Amino acid sequence: MNIVFDLDGTLIKTENIALPAIRKVLKDLNYDPNIPNSEILKYIGYTIDDIFEGLLKTKDDKIINKAIKLLDKYEIEIIKNTSIKDIFFDGVFEVLERLKHNGHKLFILSNCNIKYMITILERGLNKYIDSPHCAEMYDWKEKDFVLRLISDGKKDFVMVGDRHKDIEAAKTNSFISIGCAYGFGYNEVKDADYIINDIKELIPIIKQINLG
């Protein structure tokens, strides 16, 4: 079976990376860096330009592009200098190890940029992920489009994510969806085929799907 994982809020504790990085960006651009965490976190999982269009309340490409470059710099610094336990949800590596051992092919599909994805992969995911993909590799196309490309007509795909875009991407392509209620989408995953509250709950569900 092919299992596609979102990154932020699915495998990664993004608040430990995004919150401090975005606050630094806001400060550098003379915006209020003390906005509520909830205001920042509601955009996690969106493409980077959408994040800053929402947070900065602007469509000015010059400002947004400057914010994106700053975010890229700060997030990479934070990822490289943060402990593994503070980057990944508890149990992530054990779950990926088990899935890999059981013969499943593991994908990443995230709305992040290439440098962010590579830096995350280098913190321990590389040995498990067979095929990493991110929005920047596809000119920031939506996940349903990218998922259709990487599945290449195959039907044995499962999408695991915490936002409505993950669930919609699976449904658009007639794939099984598994919603991570512990991520940032909360109620956004209510229409998923399966819902998990801990990444470790994924193992029995995948086994059930595989047998079905």
Protein backbone atom coordinates (compact mmCIF):
# COMPACT_ATOMS: atom_id res chain seq x y z
CA MET A 1 0.00 0.00 0.00
CA ASN A 2 1.08 3.59 -0.65
CA ILE A 3 0.72 5.88 2.37
CA VAL A 4 0.99 9.65 1.88
CA PHE A 5 1.76 11.84 4.89
CA ASP A 6 1.30 15.53 5.35
CA LEU A 7 4.09 17.06 7.46
CA ASP A 8 2.89 19.95 9.62
CA GLY A 9 0.50 18.83 12.34
CA THR A 10 0.75 15.23 11.14
CA LEU A 11 4.37 14.21 11.72
CA ILE A 12 5.76 17.52 12.99
CA LYS A 13 5.01 19.65 16.05
CA THR A 14 4.96 22.69 13.80
CA GLU A 15 4.16 25.13 16.60
CA ASN A 16 7.72 24.65 17.87
CA ILE A 17 9.05 25.78 14.48
CA ALA A 18 6.45 28.05 12.92
CA LEU A 19 5.48 30.16 15.92
CA PRO A 20 8.96 31.49 16.78
CA ALA A 21 9.93 31.80 13.10
CA ILE A 22 6.81 33.72 12.09
CA ARG A 23 7.09 36.03 15.09
CA LYS A 24 10.65 36.89 14.01
CA VAL A 25 9.38 37.63 10.50
CA LEU A 26 6.60 39.87 11.81
CA LYS A 27 9.08 41.77 13.97
CA ASP A 28 11.52 42.21 11.07
CA LEU A 29 8.71 43.60 8.88
CA ASN A 30 7.48 45.94 11.65
CA TYR A 31 4.25 44.03 12.24
CA ASP A 32 2.99 43.09 15.70
CA PRO A 33 4.88 39.91 16.69
CA ASN A 34 2.62 39.34 19.70
CA ILE A 35 -0.52 38.25 17.88
CA PRO A 36 -2.24 35.21 19.46
CA ASN A 37 -0.85 31.75 18.72
CA SER A 38 -4.29 30.73 17.44
CA GLU A 39 -4.16 33.43 14.76
CA ILE A 40 -0.89 31.99 13.40
CA LEU A 41 -1.72 28.32 13.81
CA LYS A 42 -4.98 28.54 11.85
CA TYR A 43 -2.90 29.11 8.71
CA ILE A 44 -0.51 26.20 9.25
CA GLY A 45 -0.86 23.71 6.40
CA TYR A 46 -1.66 26.42 3.85
CA THR A 47 0.85 27.43 1.17
CA ILE A 48 3.36 30.00 2.37
CA ASP A 49 2.01 32.87 0.29
CA ASP A 50 -1.49 32.20 1.65
CA ILE A 51 -0.12 32.21 5.21
CA PHE A 52 1.36 35.67 4.85
CA GLU A 53 -1.50 37.05 2.80
CA GLY A 54 -3.69 36.13 5.77
CA LEU A 55 -1.37 37.21 8.58
CA LEU A 56 -0.17 40.44 6.99
CA LYS A 57 -3.56 41.30 5.48
CA THR A 58 -1.95 42.17 2.15
CA LYS A 59 -1.71 40.97 -1.43
CA ASP A 60 1.48 42.95 -2.04
CA ASP A 61 3.84 40.46 -3.69
CA LYS A 62 6.92 42.40 -2.65
CA ILE A 63 6.01 42.22 1.05
CA ILE A 64 4.87 38.61 0.85
CA ASN A 65 8.03 37.50 -0.96
CA LYS A 66 10.20 39.26 1.61
CA ALA A 67 8.27 37.52 4.40
CA ILE A 68 8.70 34.14 2.68
CA LYS A 69 12.48 34.59 2.40
CA LEU A 70 12.75 35.57 6.05
CA LEU A 71 10.58 32.65 7.16
CA ASP A 72 12.70 30.25 5.14
CA LYS A 73 15.83 31.51 6.92
CA TYR A 74 14.38 31.37 10.42
CA GLU A 75 12.63 28.00 10.05
CA ILE A 76 15.78 26.30 8.76
CA GLU A 77 17.77 27.70 11.69
CA ILE A 78 15.17 26.50 14.18
CA ILE A 79 14.82 23.02 12.63
CA LYS A 80 18.58 22.50 12.68
CA ASN A 81 18.88 23.61 16.30
CA THR A 82 15.80 21.99 17.85
CA SER A 83 15.86 18.55 19.46
CA ILE A 84 14.22 15.66 17.63
CA LYS A 85 11.66 15.18 20.40
CA ASP A 86 10.55 18.78 20.01
CA ILE A 87 10.19 18.50 16.22
CA PHE A 88 8.33 15.21 15.78
CA PHE A 89 5.25 13.86 17.54
CA ASP A 90 5.94 11.02 19.95
CA GLY A 91 5.86 7.69 18.13
CA VAL A 92 6.44 9.00 14.60
CA PHE A 93 9.65 7.07 13.94
CA GLU A 94 8.30 3.87 15.48
CA VAL A 95 5.18 4.05 13.29
CA LEU A 96 7.16 4.75 10.12
CA GLU A 97 9.56 1.93 10.97
CA ARG A 98 6.68 -0.52 11.39
CA LEU A 99 4.95 0.57 8.17
CA LYS A 100 8.20 0.31 6.24
CA HIS A 101 8.89 -3.12 7.72
CA ASN A 102 5.43 -4.25 6.62
CA GLY A 103 6.22 -3.38 3.02
CA HIS A 104 4.31 -0.14 2.56
CA LYS A 105 5.67 2.67 0.37
CA LEU A 106 5.78 5.96 2.24
CA PHE A 107 5.31 9.41 0.69
CA ILE A 108 5.41 13.00 1.93
CA LEU A 109 3.02 15.56 0.43
CA SER A 110 3.27 18.97 2.07
CA ASN A 111 2.40 22.56 1.18
CA CYS A 112 5.90 23.60 2.28
CA ASN A 113 8.88 24.63 0.17
CA ILE A 114 11.71 22.37 -0.95
CA LYS A 115 14.36 23.62 1.49
CA TYR A 116 12.03 23.19 4.48
CA MET A 117 11.13 19.65 3.43
CA ILE A 118 14.74 18.63 2.85
CA THR A 119 15.79 20.02 6.23
CA ILE A 120 13.01 18.08 7.97
CA LEU A 121 13.92 14.91 6.09
CA GLU A 122 17.53 15.30 7.23
CA ARG A 123 16.42 15.26 10.88
CA GLY A 124 15.53 11.57 10.63
CA LEU A 125 12.79 10.96 8.07
CA ASN A 126 15.07 10.16 5.13
CA LYS A 127 15.51 6.51 6.06
CA TYR A 128 11.74 5.92 5.97
CA ILE A 129 10.33 8.12 3.20
CA ASP A 130 10.47 6.64 -0.29
CA SER A 131 9.05 9.60 -2.20
CA PRO A 132 8.95 13.17 -0.77
CA HIS A 133 6.87 15.86 -2.49
CA CYS A 134 6.06 19.47 -1.66
CA ALA A 135 4.01 22.26 -3.21
CA GLU A 136 7.02 24.20 -4.50
CA MET A 137 7.99 21.22 -6.69
CA TYR A 138 4.64 21.59 -8.49
CA ASP A 139 4.42 25.39 -8.82
CA TRP A 140 2.32 25.54 -5.62
CA LYS A 141 -0.56 23.51 -7.07
CA GLU A 142 -3.23 22.17 -4.70
CA LYS A 143 -2.75 18.79 -3.05
CA ASP A 144 -5.51 17.04 -4.99
CA PHE A 145 -3.67 17.84 -8.24
CA VAL A 146 -0.28 16.68 -6.91
CA LEU A 147 -1.76 13.54 -5.39
CA ARG A 148 -3.25 12.62 -8.76
CA LEU A 149 0.17 13.00 -10.37
CA ILE A 150 2.13 10.97 -7.85
CA SER A 151 -0.45 8.18 -7.66
CA ASP A 152 -0.21 7.82 -11.45
CA GLY A 153 -3.46 5.89 -11.86
CA LYS A 154 -2.87 3.52 -8.94
CA LYS A 155 -5.73 3.09 -6.45
CA ASP A 156 -4.03 1.67 -3.34
CA PHE A 157 -3.27 5.08 -1.80
CA VAL A 158 -4.08 6.42 1.65
CA MET A 159 -3.73 10.10 2.61
CA VAL A 160 -2.88 10.97 6.22
CA GLY A 161 -3.22 14.62 7.28
CA ASP A 162 -4.69 17.13 9.69
CA ARG A 163 -6.30 19.74 7.41
CA HIS A 164 -9.39 19.74 5.20
CA LYS A 165 -7.15 20.02 2.13
CA ASP A 166 -5.63 16.63 2.96
CA ILE A 167 -9.05 15.03 3.29
CA GLU A 168 -10.37 16.72 0.15
CA ALA A 169 -7.30 15.66 -1.84
CA ALA A 170 -7.96 12.03 -0.89
CA LYS A 171 -11.68 12.20 -1.64
CA THR A 172 -11.17 13.97 -4.99
CA ASN A 173 -8.93 11.08 -6.05
CA SER A 174 -11.18 8.40 -4.49
CA PHE A 175 -8.52 7.43 -1.95
CA ILE A 176 -8.96 6.56 1.72
CA SER A 177 -8.38 9.50 4.08
CA ILE A 178 -7.11 9.37 7.65
CA GLY A 179 -7.58 12.58 9.63
CA CYS A 180 -5.20 13.53 12.43
CA ALA A 181 -7.36 15.22 15.06
CA TYR A 182 -4.28 16.05 17.12
CA GLY A 183 -3.04 18.45 14.42
CA PHE A 184 -4.13 21.96 13.47
CA GLY A 185 -7.32 21.20 11.58
CA TYR A 186 -9.31 19.76 14.50
CA ASN A 187 -12.88 19.69 13.11
CA GLU A 188 -11.55 19.95 9.56
CA VAL A 189 -10.94 16.18 9.53
CA LYS A 190 -14.44 15.18 10.67
CA ASP A 191 -15.29 13.85 7.19
CA ALA A 192 -12.22 11.62 6.94
CA ASP A 193 -12.75 7.88 6.52
CA TYR A 194 -10.81 7.32 9.75
CA ILE A 195 -9.80 9.71 12.52
CA ILE A 196 -6.83 9.25 14.83
CA ASN A 197 -5.94 11.13 18.02
CA ASP A 198 -2.38 9.81 18.15
CA ILE A 199 -0.02 8.82 15.32
CA LYS A 200 0.39 5.37 16.93
CA GLU A 201 -3.28 4.63 16.18
CA LEU A 202 -2.34 4.51 12.51
CA ILE A 203 -0.83 1.01 12.63
CA PRO A 204 -4.03 -1.00 13.32
CA ILE A 205 -6.00 1.14 10.86
CA ILE A 206 -3.54 0.52 8.04
CA LYS A 207 -3.60 -3.17 8.87
CA GLN A 208 -7.41 -3.14 8.73
CA ILE A 209 -7.42 -1.30 5.37
CA ASN A 210 -4.79 -3.65 3.98
CA LEU A 211 -6.81 -6.72 4.92
CA GLY A 212 -10.01 -5.17 3.60
